[in-house]
Amino acid sequence: MPSAVRSVWYNMPELVLILIFERGAHDMLQDDGLPFALLVSHVCRGWRITAARSPSVWSAIPVHSSRPGLLEYFLARCGAVLPLSLCFHVKSKRTIASEVLALGLSQPERVREVHLRAHHGFAVFLYISQLRQMSLPRLVHFEINLAKSTNKCSLGPLPAILNDNPPATLSSVVLEGVSFRFQSPMLKGLTRLTLADLPREFAAPSYVTFRNLLLASPMLEYLKLDHVFPVLTQVLDYGQIVLPTLHTLDLVMEHDAPYVSDFFLILSAPHIHTLLFATSSPTTCEGFEDALRILRASFENLHTLRLSSLFTRVLCNSGVQPILFDAFPELRCFVLTAHSDRIVMHYLEPWIASTMEGCEVWPKLELLTVRSPFGDLESEGAATCVDDALELLADLRCSAALPFDVWQEFIVPRSARTTTSPYPALPSYF
């Protein structure tokens, strides 16, 4: 490590270091490797001392049936007062050992978060059957994540503890890869909701069911829908679903172009400031562009836009529709992720053209992030690569007194990845 970097870490105030450790421990709670708290406490003597006398760093606890001693180790260091975040890792058909589960929930009044990451649907069934008799009065976040690579099974209704009598404190739910009841009491009165990757046998909800689900949480602030969308028929006129407190909408969608417009027509979120839209379908991406007129009217206060085009087919030669650049006048942050440099240029070339014509494109923009392969155009002998386009765009904005920061991150498309070769991100500034 360079001496200048070491100096920054060594001179960092202990309080800031503790906050970083706390955030890292929570963000890596669901990782299968060694817990974050253990890793940072073995970097150097100073970090070990700081972590050892900070109970909050140890309150995010990964639970593995094969490593019960690790659970006891964490519980001994996090004290007897702090709320606990528990993540149960189940990798086989066997459920978490009863004694490990009992130890993890031995202080139910302190449990604030419960995560379950499973690699087998039957294991989820066994796990939640043991949870039915538990009482978690301070539970804020509940999450079940069934790995996409598994053969999912229909779990039926979720545990009775959550369906029939959810804690009054429960405000955040994540359900990924499992079936559930849209009318469940667990899905009412939330501020954060994530629904993702329904099992194949699970039918998409009707418009009425979907509307009732969202309206059951009048204070909803964050909503993520990953391949969980209502059935919409073009010939019908649906009423708007008003979400007055929603500030972040995260969508992963694979639908035809007309559906995208129809979906945005039924949503009304006047205070939304962050929109994330990801797709691996060119048709869905084209549908997003067709819906820009709707978004311009509905999301005029948008501050952050994150677009992920996870395909390689070129959309069209003319580039993105120009309406994109005046649809969000308050935009501060634009993040573009693409598995092909040609898709990046689909957005950059019309942007450059508009700027050269003297148009003020996103005058309040502060940060542009581009994540792409950064090189496939060069291999094809193209005259302009993404690097050149970004540099030109930055220069044009500076000359127009509209400077912004540019962050580039190298990625490898999923189709080119292997299980044996790592592909680290290579960020750079200019």
Protein backbone atom coordinates (compact mmCIF):
# COMPACT_ATOMS: atom_id res chain seq x y z
CA MET A 1 0.00 0.00 0.00
CA PRO A 2 1.48 3.42 -0.94
CA SER A 3 2.61 5.50 2.04
CA ALA A 4 0.20 8.31 1.17
CA VAL A 5 -2.74 5.90 1.27
CA ARG A 6 -1.54 4.39 4.55
CA SER A 7 -1.30 7.87 6.02
CA VAL A 8 -4.92 8.62 5.12
CA TRP A 9 -6.16 5.49 6.90
CA TYR A 10 -3.89 5.85 9.91
CA ASN A 11 -4.92 9.47 10.46
CA MET A 12 -8.62 8.88 9.97
CA PRO A 13 -10.71 9.74 13.06
CA GLU A 14 -11.75 6.62 14.93
CA LEU A 15 -15.44 7.55 14.76
CA VAL A 16 -15.31 7.70 10.94
CA LEU A 17 -13.50 4.36 10.85
CA ILE A 18 -16.15 2.78 13.06
CA LEU A 19 -18.91 4.07 10.78
CA ILE A 20 -17.13 2.53 7.78
CA PHE A 21 -16.79 -0.78 9.61
CA GLU A 22 -20.48 -0.74 10.57
CA ARG A 23 -21.56 -0.07 6.99
CA GLY A 24 -19.25 -2.73 5.59
CA ALA A 25 -20.44 -5.33 8.11
CA HIS A 26 -24.06 -4.70 7.19
CA ASP A 27 -23.53 -4.52 3.41
CA MET A 28 -21.57 -7.80 3.38
CA LEU A 29 -23.91 -9.60 5.76
CA GLN A 30 -25.23 -11.84 2.99
CA ASP A 31 -21.84 -12.78 1.55
CA ASP A 32 -20.76 -16.40 1.97
CA GLY A 33 -17.12 -15.64 2.78
CA LEU A 34 -15.51 -14.53 6.01
CA PRO A 35 -17.51 -11.82 7.79
CA PHE A 36 -16.41 -8.25 7.17
CA ALA A 37 -15.81 -7.60 10.86
CA LEU A 38 -13.30 -10.44 11.01
CA LEU A 39 -11.54 -9.29 7.86
CA VAL A 40 -10.99 -5.68 8.95
CA SER A 41 -9.97 -6.70 12.46
CA HIS A 42 -7.04 -8.65 10.97
CA VAL A 43 -5.68 -5.88 8.73
CA CYS A 44 -3.50 -4.21 11.35
CA ARG A 45 -3.18 -3.76 15.07
CA GLY A 46 -4.93 -0.37 15.06
CA TRP A 47 -7.97 -1.66 13.19
CA ARG A 48 -8.12 -4.71 15.43
CA ILE A 49 -8.22 -2.50 18.53
CA THR A 50 -10.86 -0.21 17.00
CA ALA A 51 -13.08 -3.12 15.94
CA ALA A 52 -12.67 -4.96 19.25
CA ARG A 53 -13.97 -2.05 21.31
CA SER A 54 -16.87 -1.27 18.93
CA PRO A 55 -19.83 -3.60 19.67
CA SER A 56 -21.84 -2.13 16.77
CA VAL A 57 -19.35 -3.61 14.27
CA TRP A 58 -20.29 -7.10 15.47
CA SER A 59 -24.08 -6.66 15.56
CA ALA A 60 -24.50 -7.78 11.90
CA ILE A 61 -24.13 -11.55 12.28
CA PRO A 62 -23.89 -14.15 9.50
CA VAL A 63 -25.16 -17.54 10.72
CA HIS A 64 -23.82 -20.77 9.21
CA SER A 65 -24.78 -24.19 10.57
CA SER A 66 -21.26 -25.40 9.76
CA ARG A 67 -19.69 -22.62 11.84
CA PRO A 68 -21.72 -22.28 15.04
CA GLY A 69 -18.69 -20.99 16.94
CA LEU A 70 -18.71 -17.89 14.75
CA LEU A 71 -22.20 -16.98 15.99
CA GLU A 72 -21.12 -17.25 19.62
CA TYR A 73 -18.01 -15.20 18.85
CA PHE A 74 -20.10 -12.33 17.42
CA LEU A 75 -22.71 -12.43 20.19
CA ALA A 76 -19.99 -12.18 22.80
CA ARG A 77 -18.59 -9.03 21.21
CA CYS A 78 -21.73 -7.10 20.33
CA GLY A 79 -22.87 -6.74 23.92
CA ALA A 80 -26.33 -7.24 25.35
CA VAL A 81 -28.12 -4.07 24.23
CA LEU A 82 -27.61 -3.32 20.53
CA PRO A 83 -30.21 -4.49 17.98
CA LEU A 84 -29.11 -7.46 15.89
CA SER A 85 -29.15 -8.12 12.16
CA LEU A 86 -29.06 -11.87 11.45
CA CYS A 87 -28.48 -13.59 8.13
CA PHE A 88 -29.04 -17.36 8.02
CA HIS A 89 -27.13 -19.09 5.20
CA VAL A 90 -28.61 -22.42 4.06
CA LYS A 91 -26.65 -24.18 1.31
CA SER A 92 -28.12 -27.69 1.41
CA LYS A 93 -31.47 -29.44 1.82
CA ARG A 94 -30.90 -29.58 5.55
CA THR A 95 -32.20 -26.68 7.53
CA ILE A 96 -30.10 -24.65 9.91
CA ALA A 97 -29.34 -26.82 12.94
CA SER A 98 -32.01 -26.27 15.60
CA GLU A 99 -29.49 -25.31 18.24
CA VAL A 100 -27.89 -22.73 15.92
CA LEU A 101 -31.25 -21.23 15.04
CA ALA A 102 -32.21 -21.13 18.72
CA LEU A 103 -28.92 -19.47 19.62
CA GLY A 104 -29.29 -16.89 16.88
CA LEU A 105 -32.76 -15.98 18.10
CA SER A 106 -32.01 -16.44 21.79
CA GLN A 107 -32.65 -12.74 22.37
CA PRO A 108 -35.71 -12.12 20.14
CA GLU A 109 -36.40 -8.68 21.61
CA ARG A 110 -33.12 -7.48 20.08
CA VAL A 111 -33.58 -8.86 16.55
CA ARG A 112 -34.03 -6.00 14.09
CA GLU A 113 -33.37 -7.76 10.79
CA VAL A 114 -33.73 -11.36 9.62
CA HIS A 115 -32.28 -12.44 6.29
CA LEU A 116 -32.42 -15.92 4.80
CA ARG A 117 -30.22 -16.85 1.86
CA ALA A 118 -30.97 -20.36 0.64
CA HIS A 119 -29.77 -22.53 -2.23
CA HIS A 120 -32.61 -25.01 -2.11
CA GLY A 121 -36.36 -24.41 -1.98
CA PHE A 122 -37.00 -27.29 0.39
CA ALA A 123 -34.48 -25.82 2.82
CA VAL A 124 -36.52 -22.60 2.88
CA PHE A 125 -39.64 -24.57 3.74
CA LEU A 126 -37.89 -26.30 6.63
CA TYR A 127 -36.41 -23.06 7.87
CA ILE A 128 -39.62 -21.08 7.95
CA SER A 129 -41.44 -23.98 9.61
CA GLN A 130 -39.05 -23.52 12.56
CA LEU A 131 -39.61 -19.77 12.59
CA ARG A 132 -43.38 -20.06 13.07
CA GLN A 133 -43.19 -20.12 16.85
CA MET A 134 -40.71 -17.26 17.14
CA SER A 135 -41.76 -13.83 18.38
CA LEU A 136 -39.71 -10.90 17.13
CA PRO A 137 -41.36 -7.76 18.52
CA ARG A 138 -38.72 -5.32 17.17
CA LEU A 139 -38.35 -6.80 13.69
CA VAL A 140 -37.94 -4.05 11.08
CA HIS A 141 -36.65 -5.93 8.02
CA PHE A 142 -37.52 -9.45 6.83
CA GLU A 143 -35.96 -11.04 3.76
CA ILE A 144 -36.01 -14.38 1.99
CA ASN A 145 -33.69 -14.89 -0.98
CA LEU A 146 -33.77 -18.15 -2.89
CA ALA A 147 -30.83 -18.42 -5.28
CA LYS A 148 -31.81 -18.17 -8.95
CA SER A 149 -29.75 -21.22 -9.87
CA THR A 150 -31.87 -23.54 -7.74
CA ASN A 151 -34.95 -25.55 -8.58
CA LYS A 152 -37.52 -23.47 -6.77
CA CYS A 153 -40.45 -25.04 -5.02
CA SER A 154 -43.72 -23.37 -4.21
CA LEU A 155 -43.59 -22.54 -0.52
CA GLY A 156 -47.20 -21.55 -0.17
CA PRO A 157 -48.03 -18.98 2.50
CA LEU A 158 -45.10 -17.53 4.38
CA PRO A 159 -44.61 -18.26 8.10
CA ALA A 160 -47.63 -17.71 10.32
CA ILE A 161 -45.60 -15.37 12.51
CA LEU A 162 -45.51 -12.89 9.63
CA ASN A 163 -48.75 -13.66 7.82
CA ASP A 164 -51.15 -13.62 10.76
CA ASN A 165 -49.50 -11.27 13.22
CA PRO A 166 -46.59 -9.28 11.76
CA PRO A 167 -44.73 -7.05 14.24
CA ALA A 168 -45.92 -3.46 14.30
CA THR A 169 -42.34 -2.38 13.65
CA LEU A 170 -41.99 -4.29 10.36
CA SER A 171 -41.41 -1.72 7.59
CA SER A 172 -39.18 -3.45 5.03
CA VAL A 173 -39.70 -6.74 3.17
CA VAL A 174 -37.69 -8.47 0.44
CA LEU A 175 -39.07 -11.60 -1.23
CA GLU A 176 -36.90 -13.06 -3.98
CA GLY A 177 -37.50 -16.37 -5.71
CA VAL A 178 -40.34 -17.44 -3.41
CA SER A 179 -44.12 -17.49 -3.71
CA PHE A 180 -46.30 -15.44 -1.38
CA ARG A 181 -49.79 -14.06 -0.92
CA PHE A 182 -50.25 -10.55 -2.27
CA GLN A 183 -52.91 -10.03 0.39
CA SER A 184 -50.57 -11.00 3.24
CA PRO A 185 -50.69 -8.70 6.30
CA MET A 186 -46.90 -8.80 6.16
CA LEU A 187 -47.08 -6.69 2.99
CA LYS A 188 -49.05 -3.85 4.54
CA GLY A 189 -47.87 -0.61 6.09
CA LEU A 190 -44.36 -0.85 4.60
CA THR A 191 -41.91 1.86 3.61
CA ARG A 192 -39.67 -0.44 1.53
CA LEU A 193 -40.74 -3.36 -0.63
CA THR A 194 -38.80 -5.61 -3.01
CA LEU A 195 -40.48 -8.38 -5.03
CA ALA A 196 -38.26 -10.35 -7.40
CA ASP A 197 -38.01 -13.46 -9.51
CA LEU A 198 -41.31 -15.23 -8.91
CA PRO A 199 -41.36 -19.02 -9.38
CA ARG A 200 -42.65 -20.03 -12.80
CA GLU A 201 -45.85 -21.52 -11.44
CA PHE A 202 -46.71 -18.28 -9.68
CA ALA A 203 -49.20 -16.27 -11.75
CA ALA A 204 -48.64 -12.56 -12.36
CA PRO A 205 -51.07 -10.41 -10.34
CA SER A 206 -54.06 -8.71 -11.87
CA TYR A 207 -54.17 -4.92 -11.98
CA VAL A 208 -56.58 -4.83 -9.01
CA THR A 209 -54.39 -7.14 -6.93
CA PHE A 210 -51.30 -5.09 -7.78
CA ARG A 211 -53.08 -1.81 -6.98
CA ASN A 212 -54.32 -3.11 -3.63
CA LEU A 213 -50.82 -4.32 -2.77
CA LEU A 214 -49.30 -0.88 -3.29
CA LEU A 215 -52.12 1.06 -1.68
CA ALA A 216 -51.83 -1.15 1.42
CA SER A 217 -48.61 0.76 2.16
CA PRO A 218 -49.58 4.46 1.95
CA MET A 219 -46.14 5.54 3.22
CA LEU A 220 -44.16 3.48 0.70
CA GLU A 221 -40.83 5.17 -0.11
CA TYR A 222 -38.86 2.51 -2.00
CA LEU A 223 -40.26 -0.03 -4.47
CA LYS A 224 -38.31 -2.60 -6.46
CA LEU A 225 -40.02 -4.89 -8.95
CA ASP A 226 -37.83 -7.49 -10.62
CA HIS A 227 -39.92 -9.45 -13.16
CA VAL A 228 -42.99 -9.02 -10.92
CA PHE A 229 -45.51 -6.93 -12.84
CA PRO A 230 -49.31 -6.88 -13.21
CA VAL A 231 -51.23 -8.17 -16.18
CA LEU A 232 -52.30 -5.19 -18.32
CA THR A 233 -54.57 -5.38 -21.35
CA GLN A 234 -54.17 -2.58 -23.88
CA VAL A 235 -57.86 -2.30 -24.65
CA LEU A 236 -58.71 -1.46 -21.03
CA ASP A 237 -58.41 1.94 -19.39
CA TYR A 238 -56.80 1.54 -15.96
CA GLY A 239 -56.88 4.12 -13.22
CA GLN A 240 -53.69 5.57 -11.79
CA ILE A 241 -52.10 4.16 -8.65
CA VAL A 242 -51.02 7.19 -6.63
CA LEU A 243 -47.91 6.71 -4.45
CA PRO A 244 -47.50 10.10 -2.75
CA THR A 245 -44.41 9.25 -0.69
CA LEU A 246 -42.47 7.09 -3.17
CA HIS A 247 -38.99 8.49 -3.82
CA THR A 248 -37.20 5.50 -5.45
CA LEU A 249 -38.50 3.16 -8.14
CA ASP A 250 -36.29 0.24 -9.22
CA LEU A 251 -37.49 -1.82 -12.19
CA VAL A 252 -36.03 -4.91 -13.88
CA MET A 253 -38.34 -5.60 -16.80
CA GLU A 254 -38.67 -7.85 -19.85
CA HIS A 255 -41.85 -6.81 -21.70
CA ASP A 256 -42.83 -5.61 -25.13
CA ALA A 257 -42.65 -1.90 -25.89
CA PRO A 258 -46.38 -1.03 -25.47
CA TYR A 259 -46.44 -2.63 -22.01
CA VAL A 260 -43.69 -0.32 -20.75
CA SER A 261 -45.74 2.76 -21.61
CA ASP A 262 -48.89 1.21 -20.15
CA PHE A 263 -47.09 0.45 -16.90
CA PHE A 264 -45.79 3.98 -16.45
CA LEU A 265 -49.26 5.32 -17.23
CA ILE A 266 -50.79 3.55 -14.22
CA LEU A 267 -48.20 4.88 -11.75
CA SER A 268 -48.29 8.35 -10.23
CA ALA A 269 -45.38 9.27 -7.95
CA PRO A 270 -45.11 13.07 -7.78
CA HIS A 271 -42.15 13.08 -5.38
CA ILE A 272 -39.98 10.43 -6.98
CA HIS A 273 -36.33 11.46 -7.26
CA THR A 274 -34.59 8.19 -8.29
CA LEU A 275 -35.48 5.86 -11.16
CA LEU A 276 -33.59 2.67 -11.96
CA PHE A 277 -34.52 0.82 -15.13
CA ALA A 278 -32.75 -2.38 -16.20
CA THR A 279 -33.50 -4.80 -19.02
CA SER A 280 -31.83 -7.45 -21.13
CA SER A 281 -34.40 -7.02 -23.91
CA PRO A 282 -33.85 -4.49 -26.75
CA THR A 283 -37.63 -4.33 -27.22
CA THR A 284 -38.14 -3.30 -23.59
CA CYS A 285 -35.41 -0.68 -23.93
CA GLU A 286 -37.17 0.75 -26.97
CA GLY A 287 -40.37 0.76 -24.92
CA PHE A 288 -38.63 2.88 -22.27
CA GLU A 289 -37.71 5.43 -24.93
CA ASP A 290 -41.31 5.42 -26.18
CA ALA A 291 -42.46 6.12 -22.62
CA LEU A 292 -40.24 9.21 -22.18
CA ARG A 293 -43.12 11.58 -22.89
CA ILE A 294 -45.04 9.99 -20.05
CA LEU A 295 -42.02 10.14 -17.76
CA ARG A 296 -41.37 13.77 -18.60
CA ALA A 297 -44.80 14.66 -17.27
CA SER A 298 -44.78 12.26 -14.30
CA PHE A 299 -41.17 12.38 -13.07
CA GLU A 300 -40.14 15.96 -13.74
CA ASN A 301 -38.36 16.23 -10.37
CA LEU A 302 -36.11 13.23 -10.99
CA HIS A 303 -32.58 13.70 -9.58
CA THR A 304 -31.02 10.30 -10.37
CA LEU A 305 -31.50 8.13 -13.46
CA ARG A 306 -29.82 4.72 -13.75
CA LEU A 307 -30.24 2.85 -17.04
CA SER A 308 -28.91 -0.68 -17.52
CA SER A 309 -29.06 -2.10 -21.04
CA LEU A 310 -27.84 -5.66 -20.56
CA PHE A 311 -27.73 -6.74 -24.21
CA THR A 312 -25.45 -6.19 -27.18
CA ARG A 313 -27.78 -5.63 -30.11
CA VAL A 314 -27.71 -2.10 -31.51
CA LEU A 315 -31.07 -0.41 -31.07
CA CYS A 316 -31.01 1.92 -34.08
CA ASN A 317 -28.59 4.05 -36.06
CA SER A 318 -30.09 7.39 -35.08
CA GLY A 319 -29.42 7.04 -31.38
CA VAL A 320 -31.65 7.66 -28.39
CA GLN A 321 -34.67 9.87 -28.81
CA PRO A 322 -33.71 13.52 -28.08
CA ILE A 323 -36.60 13.85 -25.65
CA LEU A 324 -34.45 12.01 -23.10
CA PHE A 325 -32.30 15.11 -22.67
CA ASP A 326 -35.11 17.48 -21.73
CA ALA A 327 -37.35 14.97 -19.94
CA PHE A 328 -35.63 15.41 -16.56
CA PRO A 329 -34.57 19.06 -16.09
CA GLU A 330 -33.61 18.50 -12.44
CA LEU A 331 -31.29 15.54 -13.14
CA ARG A 332 -28.10 15.52 -11.04
CA CYS A 333 -26.79 11.99 -11.60
CA PHE A 334 -26.94 9.79 -14.70
CA VAL A 335 -25.63 6.21 -14.55
CA LEU A 336 -25.42 4.22 -17.78
CA THR A 337 -24.54 0.51 -17.74
CA ALA A 338 -24.23 -1.36 -21.03
CA HIS A 339 -22.79 -4.66 -22.20
CA SER A 340 -21.74 -3.11 -25.48
CA ASP A 341 -19.93 0.14 -26.29
CA ARG A 342 -22.34 0.61 -29.20
CA ILE A 343 -25.19 0.89 -26.73
CA VAL A 344 -23.24 3.56 -24.83
CA MET A 345 -22.73 5.48 -28.07
CA HIS A 346 -26.47 5.14 -28.71
CA TYR A 347 -26.85 7.60 -25.83
CA LEU A 348 -23.67 9.67 -26.14
CA GLU A 349 -23.76 10.61 -29.83
CA PRO A 350 -27.17 12.37 -29.73
CA TRP A 351 -26.09 14.04 -26.47
CA ILE A 352 -22.94 15.39 -28.15
CA ALA A 353 -24.93 16.53 -31.17
CA SER A 354 -27.43 18.39 -28.99
CA THR A 355 -24.64 20.06 -27.02
CA MET A 356 -22.83 21.16 -30.20
CA GLU A 357 -26.08 22.73 -31.40
CA GLY A 358 -26.11 24.88 -28.28
CA CYS A 359 -28.81 23.02 -26.36
CA GLU A 360 -28.50 22.94 -22.58
CA VAL A 361 -28.72 19.25 -21.76
CA TRP A 362 -29.33 18.56 -18.08
CA PRO A 363 -27.89 21.87 -16.82
CA LYS A 364 -27.85 20.64 -13.20
CA LEU A 365 -26.03 17.36 -13.92
CA GLU A 366 -23.17 16.77 -11.47
CA LEU A 367 -22.04 13.21 -12.19
CA LEU A 368 -22.06 10.93 -15.23
CA THR A 369 -21.13 7.29 -14.63
CA VAL A 370 -20.54 4.96 -17.57
CA ARG A 371 -20.03 1.23 -17.08
CA SER A 372 -19.19 -0.68 -20.25
CA PRO A 373 -16.55 -2.97 -21.88
CA PHE A 374 -14.58 0.08 -23.15
CA GLY A 375 -12.93 -1.53 -26.12
CA ASP A 376 -15.25 -3.48 -28.39
CA LEU A 377 -15.59 -0.49 -30.76
CA GLU A 378 -11.82 -0.21 -31.10
CA SER A 379 -11.63 -3.88 -32.12
CA GLU A 380 -14.09 -3.11 -34.92
CA GLY A 381 -12.02 -0.18 -36.16
CA ALA A 382 -14.59 2.46 -35.28
CA ALA A 383 -13.40 6.05 -35.60
CA THR A 384 -14.77 7.14 -32.24
CA CYS A 385 -14.58 5.09 -29.05
CA VAL A 386 -16.40 5.67 -25.77
CA ASP A 387 -13.32 7.29 -24.17
CA ASP A 388 -13.09 9.87 -26.95
CA ALA A 389 -16.82 10.56 -26.84
CA LEU A 390 -16.78 11.11 -23.09
CA GLU A 391 -13.80 13.42 -23.32
CA LEU A 392 -15.43 15.44 -26.09
CA LEU A 393 -18.67 15.66 -24.15
CA ALA A 394 -16.85 16.84 -21.02
CA ASP A 395 -15.00 19.51 -23.02
CA LEU A 396 -18.20 20.74 -24.66
CA ARG A 397 -19.94 21.06 -21.30
CA CYS A 398 -16.99 22.91 -19.81
CA SER A 399 -17.04 25.39 -22.68
CA ALA A 400 -20.77 25.90 -22.05
CA ALA A 401 -20.14 26.42 -18.30
CA LEU A 402 -21.87 23.12 -17.54
CA PRO A 403 -19.04 21.01 -16.10
CA PHE A 404 -19.62 17.65 -14.47
CA ASP A 405 -17.60 14.74 -13.14
CA VAL A 406 -17.22 11.61 -15.26
CA TRP A 407 -16.66 8.19 -13.73
CA GLN A 408 -15.75 5.25 -15.97
CA GLU A 409 -15.94 1.65 -14.86
CA PHE A 410 -14.85 -1.35 -16.89
CA ILE A 411 -17.24 -4.30 -16.96
CA VAL A 412 -17.35 -7.60 -18.79
CA PRO A 413 -20.65 -8.72 -20.35
CA ARG A 414 -22.19 -11.77 -18.76
CA SER A 415 -21.83 -13.71 -22.00
CA ALA A 416 -18.04 -13.29 -21.83
CA ARG A 417 -17.58 -14.18 -18.18
CA THR A 418 -16.15 -17.45 -16.94
CA THR A 419 -16.15 -19.04 -13.52
CA THR A 420 -12.36 -19.24 -13.39
CA SER A 421 -11.26 -15.80 -14.57
CA PRO A 422 -11.96 -12.72 -12.44
CA TYR A 423 -12.78 -9.45 -14.16
CA PRO A 424 -12.14 -6.58 -11.74
CA ALA A 425 -13.57 -3.16 -12.38
CA LEU A 426 -11.02 -0.56 -13.50
CA PRO A 427 -12.40 2.88 -12.64
CA SER A 428 -10.82 6.10 -13.83
CA TYR A 429 -11.42 9.84 -13.69
CA PHE A 430 -10.72 12.59 -16.18
